[in-house]
């Protein structure tokens, strides 16, 4: 079942990727991890991660076996806003 965050914003790859990083803010993931989790093409995952990186929502944290790893950038104002929205969504779901 999708999280309330995904149900609210739509069942789109970008939203699913954001949701996954928000659920695991301290865990770095490779592009391969992303496209396998969200079940999208490698090219789509690469484009979305690049976009989120460009907005500062994700940060590059290093390499693992030649794969670039990205993690949620918790110091970015957009990320903080998304974390707040995600938190509030969870609070509403708990009140049900």
C-alpha atoms as a PDB file:
ATOM      1  CA  UNK A   1       0.000   0.000   0.000  1.00  0.00           C
ATOM      2  CA  UNK A   2       1.247   3.470  -0.834  1.00  0.00           C
ATOM      3  CA  UNK A   3       2.005   5.971   1.883  1.00  0.00           C
ATOM      4  CA  UNK A   4      -0.347   8.888   2.456  1.00  0.00           C
ATOM      5  CA  UNK A   5       2.380  11.117   0.948  1.00  0.00           C
ATOM      6  CA  UNK A   6       2.172   9.177  -2.343  1.00  0.00           C
ATOM      7  CA  UNK A   7      -1.620   9.007  -2.232  1.00  0.00           C
ATOM      8  CA  UNK A   8      -1.806  12.776  -1.712  1.00  0.00           C
ATOM      9  CA  UNK A   9       0.711  13.825  -4.368  1.00  0.00           C
ATOM     10  CA  UNK A  10       0.074  11.043  -6.873  1.00  0.00           C
ATOM     11  CA  UNK A  11       1.496   7.659  -7.756  1.00  0.00           C
ATOM     12  CA  UNK A  12       4.270   9.095  -9.924  1.00  0.00           C
ATOM     13  CA  UNK A  13       7.883   7.925 -10.059  1.00  0.00           C
ATOM     14  CA  UNK A  14       9.208  11.282  -8.783  1.00  0.00           C
ATOM     15  CA  UNK A  15       6.835  11.189  -5.797  1.00  0.00           C
ATOM     16  CA  UNK A  16       7.715   7.559  -5.032  1.00  0.00           C
ATOM     17  CA  UNK A  17      11.432   8.380  -5.125  1.00  0.00           C
ATOM     18  CA  UNK A  18      10.927  11.369  -2.837  1.00  0.00           C
ATOM     19  CA  UNK A  19       8.855   9.250  -0.475  1.00  0.00           C
ATOM     20  CA  UNK A  20      11.541   6.555  -0.364  1.00  0.00           C
ATOM     21  CA  UNK A  21      14.291   9.054   0.440  1.00  0.00           C
ATOM     22  CA  UNK A  22      12.070  10.761   3.045  1.00  0.00           C
ATOM     23  CA  UNK A  23      11.453   7.405   4.734  1.00  0.00           C
ATOM     24  CA  UNK A  24      15.205   6.699   4.780  1.00  0.00           C
ATOM     25  CA  UNK A  25      16.869  10.115   5.111  1.00  0.00           C
ATOM     26  CA  UNK A  26      20.254   8.838   6.292  1.00  0.00           C
ATOM     27  CA  UNK A  27      20.615   6.028   3.763  1.00  0.00           C
ATOM     28  CA  UNK A  28      22.466   6.607   0.491  1.00  0.00           C
ATOM     29  CA  UNK A  29      21.112   4.911  -2.643  1.00  0.00           C
ATOM     30  CA  UNK A  30      22.474   4.347  -6.131  1.00  0.00           C
ATOM     31  CA  UNK A  31      20.525   4.949  -9.333  1.00  0.00           C
ATOM     32  CA  UNK A  32      20.167   1.167  -9.626  1.00  0.00           C
ATOM     33  CA  UNK A  33      18.585   0.994  -6.161  1.00  0.00           C
ATOM     34  CA  UNK A  34      16.163   3.720  -7.186  1.00  0.00           C
ATOM     35  CA  UNK A  35      14.986   2.228 -10.475  1.00  0.00           C
ATOM     36  CA  UNK A  36      14.635  -1.247  -8.989  1.00  0.00           C
ATOM     37  CA  UNK A  37      12.586   0.074  -6.050  1.00  0.00           C
ATOM     38  CA  UNK A  38      10.310   2.326  -8.092  1.00  0.00           C
ATOM     39  CA  UNK A  39      10.236  -0.076 -11.061  1.00  0.00           C
ATOM     40  CA  UNK A  40      11.043   2.476 -13.733  1.00  0.00           C
ATOM     41  CA  UNK A  41      13.663   2.600 -16.453  1.00  0.00           C
ATOM     42  CA  UNK A  42      17.247   3.387 -15.582  1.00  0.00           C
ATOM     43  CA  UNK A  43      17.107   6.516 -17.757  1.00  0.00           C
ATOM     44  CA  UNK A  44      14.003   7.817 -15.950  1.00  0.00           C
ATOM     45  CA  UNK A  45      15.559   7.164 -12.541  1.00  0.00           C
ATOM     46  CA  UNK A  46      18.751   8.914 -13.632  1.00  0.00           C
ATOM     47  CA  UNK A  47      16.789  11.956 -14.874  1.00  0.00           C
ATOM     48  CA  UNK A  48      14.676  12.239 -11.719  1.00  0.00           C
ATOM     49  CA  UNK A  49      17.614  11.801  -9.349  1.00  0.00           C
ATOM     50  CA  UNK A  50      19.568  14.375 -11.372  1.00  0.00           C
ATOM     51  CA  UNK A  51      16.637  16.792 -11.095  1.00  0.00           C
ATOM     52  CA  UNK A  52      16.349  16.286  -7.332  1.00  0.00           C
ATOM     53  CA  UNK A  53      20.112  16.691  -7.013  1.00  0.00           C
ATOM     54  CA  UNK A  54      19.937  19.908  -9.051  1.00  0.00           C
ATOM     55  CA  UNK A  55      17.282  21.259  -6.681  1.00  0.00           C
ATOM     56  CA  UNK A  56      19.475  20.394  -3.709  1.00  0.00           C
ATOM     57  CA  UNK A  57      16.977  17.862  -2.347  1.00  0.00           C
ATOM     58  CA  UNK A  58      19.500  15.060  -2.808  1.00  0.00           C
ATOM     59  CA  UNK A  59      23.231  15.243  -2.225  1.00  0.00           C
ATOM     60  CA  UNK A  60      26.039  13.162  -3.655  1.00  0.00           C
ATOM     61  CA  UNK A  61      27.756  11.194  -0.887  1.00  0.00           C
ATOM     62  CA  UNK A  62      30.300   9.024  -2.691  1.00  0.00           C
ATOM     63  CA  UNK A  63      30.839   5.873  -4.699  1.00  0.00           C
ATOM     64  CA  UNK A  64      30.157   2.213  -4.053  1.00  0.00           C
ATOM     65  CA  UNK A  65      31.567  -0.101  -6.701  1.00  0.00           C
ATOM     66  CA  UNK A  66      31.616   2.743  -9.247  1.00  0.00           C
ATOM     67  CA  UNK A  67      27.957   3.601  -8.536  1.00  0.00           C
ATOM     68  CA  UNK A  68      27.215   7.145  -7.388  1.00  0.00           C
ATOM     69  CA  UNK A  69      25.318   7.288  -4.114  1.00  0.00           C
ATOM     70  CA  UNK A  70      22.762   9.959  -3.290  1.00  0.00           C
ATOM     71  CA  UNK A  71      21.173  10.756   0.042  1.00  0.00           C
ATOM     72  CA  UNK A  72      18.513  13.177   1.221  1.00  0.00           C
ATOM     73  CA  UNK A  73      19.996  16.630   1.855  1.00  0.00           C
ATOM     74  CA  UNK A  74      18.390  17.491   5.181  1.00  0.00           C
ATOM     75  CA  UNK A  75      19.962  20.981   5.172  1.00  0.00           C
ATOM     76  CA  UNK A  76      18.013  22.106   2.087  1.00  0.00           C
ATOM     77  CA  UNK A  77      14.929  24.296   2.603  1.00  0.00           C
ATOM     78  CA  UNK A  78      12.889  22.346   0.025  1.00  0.00           C
ATOM     79  CA  UNK A  79      13.790  19.089   1.759  1.00  0.00           C
ATOM     80  CA  UNK A  80      12.756  20.516   5.119  1.00  0.00           C
ATOM     81  CA  UNK A  81       9.402  21.554   3.634  1.00  0.00           C
ATOM     82  CA  UNK A  82       8.911  18.061   2.163  1.00  0.00           C
ATOM     83  CA  UNK A  83       9.826  16.452   5.495  1.00  0.00           C
ATOM     84  CA  UNK A  84       7.286  18.673   7.239  1.00  0.00           C
ATOM     85  CA  UNK A  85       4.588  17.729   4.716  1.00  0.00           C
ATOM     86  CA  UNK A  86       5.450  14.041   5.095  1.00  0.00           C
ATOM     87  CA  UNK A  87       5.329  14.341   8.903  1.00  0.00           C
ATOM     88  CA  UNK A  88       1.964  16.117   8.828  1.00  0.00           C
ATOM     89  CA  UNK A  89       0.551  13.499   6.447  1.00  0.00           C
ATOM     90  CA  UNK A  90       1.617  10.748   8.845  1.00  0.00           C
ATOM     91  CA  UNK A  91       0.052  12.609  11.766  1.00  0.00           C
ATOM     92  CA  UNK A  92      -3.258  12.866   9.895  1.00  0.00           C
ATOM     93  CA  UNK A  93      -3.148   9.181   9.010  1.00  0.00           C
ATOM     94  CA  UNK A  94      -2.570   8.236  12.656  1.00  0.00           C
ATOM     95  CA  UNK A  95      -5.621  10.270  13.729  1.00  0.00           C
ATOM     96  CA  UNK A  96      -7.881   8.207  11.490  1.00  0.00           C
END
